[in-house]
Amino acid sequence: MKITDRKTDIVSISAKLFKEKGYSAVTMRDIAQALEIKAASLYNHIKSKQEILGLIVVGIAEEYTFTIRTIEISEATSIQKIENVIQLHIDITVKNPDALASLNNDWMHLPKAELSYFLQMREEYEDIFRRIVKKGIVDGEIKNLNSEVIIFSILSTIRTLYLWYGKKKEFSAATLKSNLSKVLLEGIV
């Protein structure tokens, strides 16, 4: 589905409202009011609130999934691949923190077909990340620690970065990329 400029505005405003109020609390009327249009006009561009959620969640999930596929097949070392994954999360966080709230908090409200597609992408993403970490351990690039603890530690931090970054915007993306990668990959000791 091609996204028009008006649809982009609708998605952007909706993501902000979903983050502020929660998906379930936002109505199509709320979205229309935020856009300063009549609710009936909104339906000329969008069929439903679920369609908006799908555009937000599936769009970001596809960006993550397609990019991690590219990272995995690159000639980079496992450490460089993990750094690239961290940078991917930072880039998306800086670009669209409101949409990440929907990705993390509202995905379960997707229609059945989109929900299945999203869950498939999320599983693929985690499997690719798991392979990168395990290869790093086998190759001696990463300490021989429990891979699931490593995966959980990194993914839980970068997946929730939007919560913290929204409050700390004085950090530049470059500083965040440099420092977060060092902390997650080298530790603090």
C-alpha atoms as a PDB file:
ATOM      1  CA  MET A   1       0.000   0.000   0.000  1.00  0.00           C
ATOM      2  CA  LYS A   2       1.447   3.355  -1.015  1.00  0.00           C
ATOM      3  CA  ILE A   3       1.570   5.865   1.794  1.00  0.00           C
ATOM      4  CA  THR A   4       0.497   9.366   0.782  1.00  0.00           C
ATOM      5  CA  ASP A   5       1.744  12.523   2.504  1.00  0.00           C
ATOM      6  CA  ARG A   6      -1.592  12.856   4.311  1.00  0.00           C
ATOM      7  CA  LYS A   7      -1.409   9.234   5.411  1.00  0.00           C
ATOM      8  CA  THR A   8       2.121   9.891   6.697  1.00  0.00           C
ATOM      9  CA  ASP A   9       0.744  12.769   8.791  1.00  0.00           C
ATOM     10  CA  ILE A  10      -2.040  10.542  10.100  1.00  0.00           C
ATOM     11  CA  VAL A  11       0.420   7.796  11.043  1.00  0.00           C
ATOM     12  CA  SER A  12       2.806  10.237  12.716  1.00  0.00           C
ATOM     13  CA  ILE A  13       0.107  11.971  14.778  1.00  0.00           C
ATOM     14  CA  SER A  14      -1.469   8.624  15.664  1.00  0.00           C
ATOM     15  CA  ALA A  15       1.855   7.200  16.871  1.00  0.00           C
ATOM     16  CA  LYS A  16       2.262  10.204  19.148  1.00  0.00           C
ATOM     17  CA  LEU A  17      -1.262   9.814  20.521  1.00  0.00           C
ATOM     18  CA  PHE A  18      -0.832   6.056  20.993  1.00  0.00           C
ATOM     19  CA  LYS A  19       2.351   6.694  22.975  1.00  0.00           C
ATOM     20  CA  GLU A  20       0.748   9.397  25.119  1.00  0.00           C
ATOM     21  CA  LYS A  21      -2.616   7.750  25.828  1.00  0.00           C
ATOM     22  CA  GLY A  22      -2.205   4.123  24.853  1.00  0.00           C
ATOM     23  CA  TYR A  23      -3.639   2.552  21.723  1.00  0.00           C
ATOM     24  CA  SER A  24      -6.888   1.423  23.330  1.00  0.00           C
ATOM     25  CA  ALA A  25      -7.692   4.886  24.690  1.00  0.00           C
ATOM     26  CA  VAL A  26      -7.245   6.722  21.379  1.00  0.00           C
ATOM     27  CA  THR A  27     -10.253   7.097  19.102  1.00  0.00           C
ATOM     28  CA  MET A  28     -10.474   8.012  15.447  1.00  0.00           C
ATOM     29  CA  ARG A  29     -12.104  11.247  16.655  1.00  0.00           C
ATOM     30  CA  ASP A  30      -8.995  11.996  18.759  1.00  0.00           C
ATOM     31  CA  ILE A  31      -6.806  11.471  15.700  1.00  0.00           C
ATOM     32  CA  ALA A  32      -9.038  13.691  13.555  1.00  0.00           C
ATOM     33  CA  GLN A  33      -8.975  16.435  16.201  1.00  0.00           C
ATOM     34  CA  ALA A  34      -5.197  16.297  16.430  1.00  0.00           C
ATOM     35  CA  LEU A  35      -5.053  16.651  12.638  1.00  0.00           C
ATOM     36  CA  GLU A  36      -7.643  19.451  12.769  1.00  0.00           C
ATOM     37  CA  ILE A  37      -9.969  17.676  10.361  1.00  0.00           C
ATOM     38  CA  LYS A  38     -13.413  16.142  10.673  1.00  0.00           C
ATOM     39  CA  ALA A  39     -13.547  12.477  11.655  1.00  0.00           C
ATOM     40  CA  ALA A  40     -15.419  11.679   8.434  1.00  0.00           C
ATOM     41  CA  SER A  41     -12.537  13.168   6.418  1.00  0.00           C
ATOM     42  CA  LEU A  42     -10.097  10.881   8.177  1.00  0.00           C
ATOM     43  CA  TYR A  43     -11.844   7.870   6.663  1.00  0.00           C
ATOM     44  CA  ASN A  44     -10.993   9.157   3.180  1.00  0.00           C
ATOM     45  CA  HIS A  45      -7.383   8.278   3.944  1.00  0.00           C
ATOM     46  CA  ILE A  46      -7.573   5.446   6.489  1.00  0.00           C
ATOM     47  CA  LYS A  47     -10.029   2.606   7.035  1.00  0.00           C
ATOM     48  CA  SER A  48      -9.514   2.092  10.754  1.00  0.00           C
ATOM     49  CA  LYS A  49      -7.335   2.619  13.785  1.00  0.00           C
ATOM     50  CA  GLN A  50      -6.022  -0.932  13.284  1.00  0.00           C
ATOM     51  CA  GLU A  51      -4.854   0.019   9.793  1.00  0.00           C
ATOM     52  CA  ILE A  52      -2.889   2.890  11.295  1.00  0.00           C
ATOM     53  CA  LEU A  53      -1.380   0.579  13.898  1.00  0.00           C
ATOM     54  CA  GLY A  54      -0.438  -1.873  11.155  1.00  0.00           C
ATOM     55  CA  LEU A  55       1.325   0.830   9.174  1.00  0.00           C
ATOM     56  CA  ILE A  56       3.290   1.827  12.263  1.00  0.00           C
ATOM     57  CA  VAL A  57       4.197  -1.571  13.678  1.00  0.00           C
ATOM     58  CA  VAL A  58       4.693  -3.550  10.481  1.00  0.00           C
ATOM     59  CA  GLY A  59       6.639  -0.708   8.864  1.00  0.00           C
ATOM     60  CA  ILE A  60       9.193  -0.567  11.659  1.00  0.00           C
ATOM     61  CA  ALA A  61       9.338  -4.350  12.044  1.00  0.00           C
ATOM     62  CA  GLU A  62      10.113  -4.685   8.337  1.00  0.00           C
ATOM     63  CA  GLU A  63      12.861  -2.069   8.617  1.00  0.00           C
ATOM     64  CA  TYR A  64      14.445  -3.968  11.518  1.00  0.00           C
ATOM     65  CA  THR A  65      14.087  -7.359   9.830  1.00  0.00           C
ATOM     66  CA  PHE A  66      15.338  -6.356   6.390  1.00  0.00           C
ATOM     67  CA  THR A  67      18.294  -4.503   7.894  1.00  0.00           C
ATOM     68  CA  ILE A  68      19.380  -7.304  10.248  1.00  0.00           C
ATOM     69  CA  ARG A  69      19.273  -9.722   7.296  1.00  0.00           C
ATOM     70  CA  THR A  70      21.728  -7.447   5.489  1.00  0.00           C
ATOM     71  CA  ILE A  71      23.884  -7.162   8.599  1.00  0.00           C
ATOM     72  CA  GLU A  72      23.994 -10.944   9.042  1.00  0.00           C
ATOM     73  CA  ILE A  73      25.243 -11.672   5.519  1.00  0.00           C
ATOM     74  CA  SER A  74      27.835  -8.900   5.556  1.00  0.00           C
ATOM     75  CA  GLU A  75      31.546  -9.707   5.828  1.00  0.00           C
ATOM     76  CA  ALA A  76      31.760  -7.873   9.153  1.00  0.00           C
ATOM     77  CA  THR A  77      32.922  -9.573  12.346  1.00  0.00           C
ATOM     78  CA  SER A  78      30.312 -10.620  14.891  1.00  0.00           C
ATOM     79  CA  ILE A  79      31.216  -7.643  17.086  1.00  0.00           C
ATOM     80  CA  GLN A  80      30.834  -5.266  14.136  1.00  0.00           C
ATOM     81  CA  LYS A  81      27.479  -6.868  13.326  1.00  0.00           C
ATOM     82  CA  ILE A  82      26.265  -6.351  16.890  1.00  0.00           C
ATOM     83  CA  GLU A  83      27.481  -2.748  16.743  1.00  0.00           C
ATOM     84  CA  ASN A  84      25.501  -2.334  13.514  1.00  0.00           C
ATOM     85  CA  VAL A  85      22.385  -3.735  15.192  1.00  0.00           C
ATOM     86  CA  ILE A  86      22.823  -1.315  18.095  1.00  0.00           C
ATOM     87  CA  GLN A  87      23.250   1.547  15.625  1.00  0.00           C
ATOM     88  CA  LEU A  88      20.121   0.428  13.761  1.00  0.00           C
ATOM     89  CA  HIS A  89      18.103   0.667  16.973  1.00  0.00           C
ATOM     90  CA  ILE A  90      19.564   4.060  17.801  1.00  0.00           C
ATOM     91  CA  ASP A  91      18.800   5.377  14.305  1.00  0.00           C
ATOM     92  CA  ILE A  92      15.187   4.225  14.456  1.00  0.00           C
ATOM     93  CA  THR A  93      14.806   5.518  18.018  1.00  0.00           C
ATOM     94  CA  VAL A  94      16.100   8.963  17.094  1.00  0.00           C
ATOM     95  CA  LYS A  95      13.974   9.046  13.946  1.00  0.00           C
ATOM     96  CA  ASN A  96      10.710   7.783  15.395  1.00  0.00           C
ATOM     97  CA  PRO A  97      10.475   7.183  19.160  1.00  0.00           C
ATOM     98  CA  ASP A  98       6.672   7.502  19.149  1.00  0.00           C
ATOM     99  CA  ALA A  99       6.260   4.656  16.687  1.00  0.00           C
ATOM    100  CA  LEU A 100       8.528   2.436  18.775  1.00  0.00           C
ATOM    101  CA  ALA A 101       6.096   2.760  21.663  1.00  0.00           C
ATOM    102  CA  SER A 102       3.427   1.190  19.442  1.00  0.00           C
ATOM    103  CA  LEU A 103       5.829  -1.490  18.247  1.00  0.00           C
ATOM    104  CA  ASN A 104       6.632  -2.487  21.820  1.00  0.00           C
ATOM    105  CA  ASN A 105       3.298  -1.895  23.545  1.00  0.00           C
ATOM    106  CA  ASP A 106       0.476  -2.213  21.018  1.00  0.00           C
ATOM    107  CA  TRP A 107       1.470  -4.962  18.573  1.00  0.00           C
ATOM    108  CA  MET A 108      -1.032  -7.375  20.124  1.00  0.00           C
ATOM    109  CA  HIS A 109      -3.884  -5.218  18.757  1.00  0.00           C
ATOM    110  CA  LEU A 110      -2.908  -5.920  15.154  1.00  0.00           C
ATOM    111  CA  PRO A 111      -5.426  -7.765  12.978  1.00  0.00           C
ATOM    112  CA  LYS A 112      -4.771 -11.516  12.867  1.00  0.00           C
ATOM    113  CA  ALA A 113      -2.908 -11.627   9.527  1.00  0.00           C
ATOM    114  CA  GLU A 114      -0.669  -8.669  10.370  1.00  0.00           C
ATOM    115  CA  LEU A 115      -0.114 -10.016  13.877  1.00  0.00           C
ATOM    116  CA  SER A 116       1.081 -13.320  12.469  1.00  0.00           C
ATOM    117  CA  TYR A 117       3.397 -11.515  10.024  1.00  0.00           C
ATOM    118  CA  PHE A 118       4.761  -9.308  12.817  1.00  0.00           C
ATOM    119  CA  LEU A 119       5.407 -12.265  15.131  1.00  0.00           C
ATOM    120  CA  GLN A 120       7.160 -14.103  12.300  1.00  0.00           C
ATOM    121  CA  MET A 121       9.427 -11.093  11.696  1.00  0.00           C
ATOM    122  CA  ARG A 122      10.152 -10.696  15.404  1.00  0.00           C
ATOM    123  CA  GLU A 123      11.096 -14.365  15.690  1.00  0.00           C
ATOM    124  CA  GLU A 124      13.321 -14.148  12.595  1.00  0.00           C
ATOM    125  CA  TYR A 125      14.987 -11.019  13.963  1.00  0.00           C
ATOM    126  CA  GLU A 126      15.762 -12.703  17.291  1.00  0.00           C
ATOM    127  CA  ASP A 127      17.005 -15.856  15.533  1.00  0.00           C
ATOM    128  CA  ILE A 128      19.392 -13.827  13.371  1.00  0.00           C
ATOM    129  CA  PHE A 129      20.668 -11.910  16.392  1.00  0.00           C
ATOM    130  CA  ARG A 130      21.108 -15.211  18.261  1.00  0.00           C
ATOM    131  CA  ARG A 131      23.167 -16.629  15.363  1.00  0.00           C
ATOM    132  CA  ILE A 132      25.387 -13.533  15.310  1.00  0.00           C
ATOM    133  CA  VAL A 133      26.060 -13.786  19.058  1.00  0.00           C
ATOM    134  CA  LYS A 134      26.671 -17.545  18.992  1.00  0.00           C
ATOM    135  CA  LYS A 135      29.079 -17.197  16.058  1.00  0.00           C
ATOM    136  CA  GLY A 136      30.914 -14.497  18.002  1.00  0.00           C
ATOM    137  CA  ILE A 137      31.295 -16.886  20.932  1.00  0.00           C
ATOM    138  CA  VAL A 138      32.467 -19.758  18.713  1.00  0.00           C
ATOM    139  CA  ASP A 139      34.965 -17.467  16.944  1.00  0.00           C
ATOM    140  CA  GLY A 140      36.297 -16.188  20.281  1.00  0.00           C
ATOM    141  CA  GLU A 141      35.214 -12.592  19.684  1.00  0.00           C
ATOM    142  CA  ILE A 142      32.751 -12.710  22.567  1.00  0.00           C
ATOM    143  CA  LYS A 143      33.368 -14.192  26.023  1.00  0.00           C
ATOM    144  CA  ASN A 144      32.032 -17.705  26.428  1.00  0.00           C
ATOM    145  CA  LEU A 145      29.065 -16.664  28.569  1.00  0.00           C
ATOM    146  CA  ASN A 146      25.481 -17.817  28.308  1.00  0.00           C
ATOM    147  CA  SER A 147      24.352 -16.562  24.905  1.00  0.00           C
ATOM    148  CA  GLU A 148      20.757 -16.076  26.052  1.00  0.00           C
ATOM    149  CA  VAL A 149      21.880 -13.710  28.828  1.00  0.00           C
ATOM    150  CA  ILE A 150      23.947 -11.741  26.305  1.00  0.00           C
ATOM    151  CA  ILE A 151      21.027 -11.595  23.868  1.00  0.00           C
ATOM    152  CA  PHE A 152      18.554 -10.572  26.570  1.00  0.00           C
ATOM    153  CA  SER A 153      20.879  -7.885  27.939  1.00  0.00           C
ATOM    154  CA  ILE A 154      21.510  -6.245  24.597  1.00  0.00           C
ATOM    155  CA  LEU A 155      18.032  -6.589  23.107  1.00  0.00           C
ATOM    156  CA  SER A 156      16.179  -5.454  26.207  1.00  0.00           C
ATOM    157  CA  THR A 157      18.332  -2.332  26.350  1.00  0.00           C
ATOM    158  CA  ILE A 158      18.069  -1.359  22.701  1.00  0.00           C
ATOM    159  CA  ARG A 159      14.374  -2.245  22.385  1.00  0.00           C
ATOM    160  CA  THR A 160      13.443   0.104  25.219  1.00  0.00           C
ATOM    161  CA  LEU A 161      15.857   2.867  24.307  1.00  0.00           C
ATOM    162  CA  TYR A 162      12.941   5.018  23.104  1.00  0.00           C
ATOM    163  CA  LEU A 163      11.682   5.324  26.715  1.00  0.00           C
ATOM    164  CA  TRP A 164      14.934   6.810  27.929  1.00  0.00           C
ATOM    165  CA  TYR A 165      15.939   8.749  24.817  1.00  0.00           C
ATOM    166  CA  GLY A 166      12.686  10.728  24.800  1.00  0.00           C
ATOM    167  CA  LYS A 167      13.696  12.157  28.168  1.00  0.00           C
ATOM    168  CA  LYS A 168      17.368  12.731  27.306  1.00  0.00           C
ATOM    169  CA  LYS A 169      17.316  14.454  23.930  1.00  0.00           C
ATOM    170  CA  GLU A 170      20.407  16.483  24.760  1.00  0.00           C
ATOM    171  CA  PHE A 171      22.427  13.438  23.731  1.00  0.00           C
ATOM    172  CA  SER A 172      23.419  13.426  20.100  1.00  0.00           C
ATOM    173  CA  ALA A 173      22.822  10.260  18.118  1.00  0.00           C
ATOM    174  CA  ALA A 174      26.582  10.001  17.512  1.00  0.00           C
ATOM    175  CA  THR A 175      27.372  10.155  21.240  1.00  0.00           C
ATOM    176  CA  LEU A 176      24.669   7.630  21.959  1.00  0.00           C
ATOM    177  CA  LYS A 177      25.974   5.269  19.260  1.00  0.00           C
ATOM    178  CA  SER A 178      29.536   5.467  20.517  1.00  0.00           C
ATOM    179  CA  ASN A 179      28.808   5.169  24.230  1.00  0.00           C
ATOM    180  CA  LEU A 180      26.002   2.608  24.099  1.00  0.00           C
ATOM    181  CA  SER A 181      27.996   0.240  21.915  1.00  0.00           C
ATOM    182  CA  LYS A 182      30.975   0.488  24.269  1.00  0.00           C
ATOM    183  CA  VAL A 183      28.881  -0.109  27.383  1.00  0.00           C
ATOM    184  CA  LEU A 184      26.981  -3.046  25.888  1.00  0.00           C
ATOM    185  CA  LEU A 185      30.005  -4.680  24.264  1.00  0.00           C
ATOM    186  CA  GLU A 186      32.846  -3.834  26.636  1.00  0.00           C
ATOM    187  CA  GLY A 187      31.010  -3.335  29.912  1.00  0.00           C
ATOM    188  CA  ILE A 188      31.870  -0.681  32.448  1.00  0.00           C
ATOM    189  CA  VAL A 189      34.865  -2.362  34.078  1.00  0.00           C
END
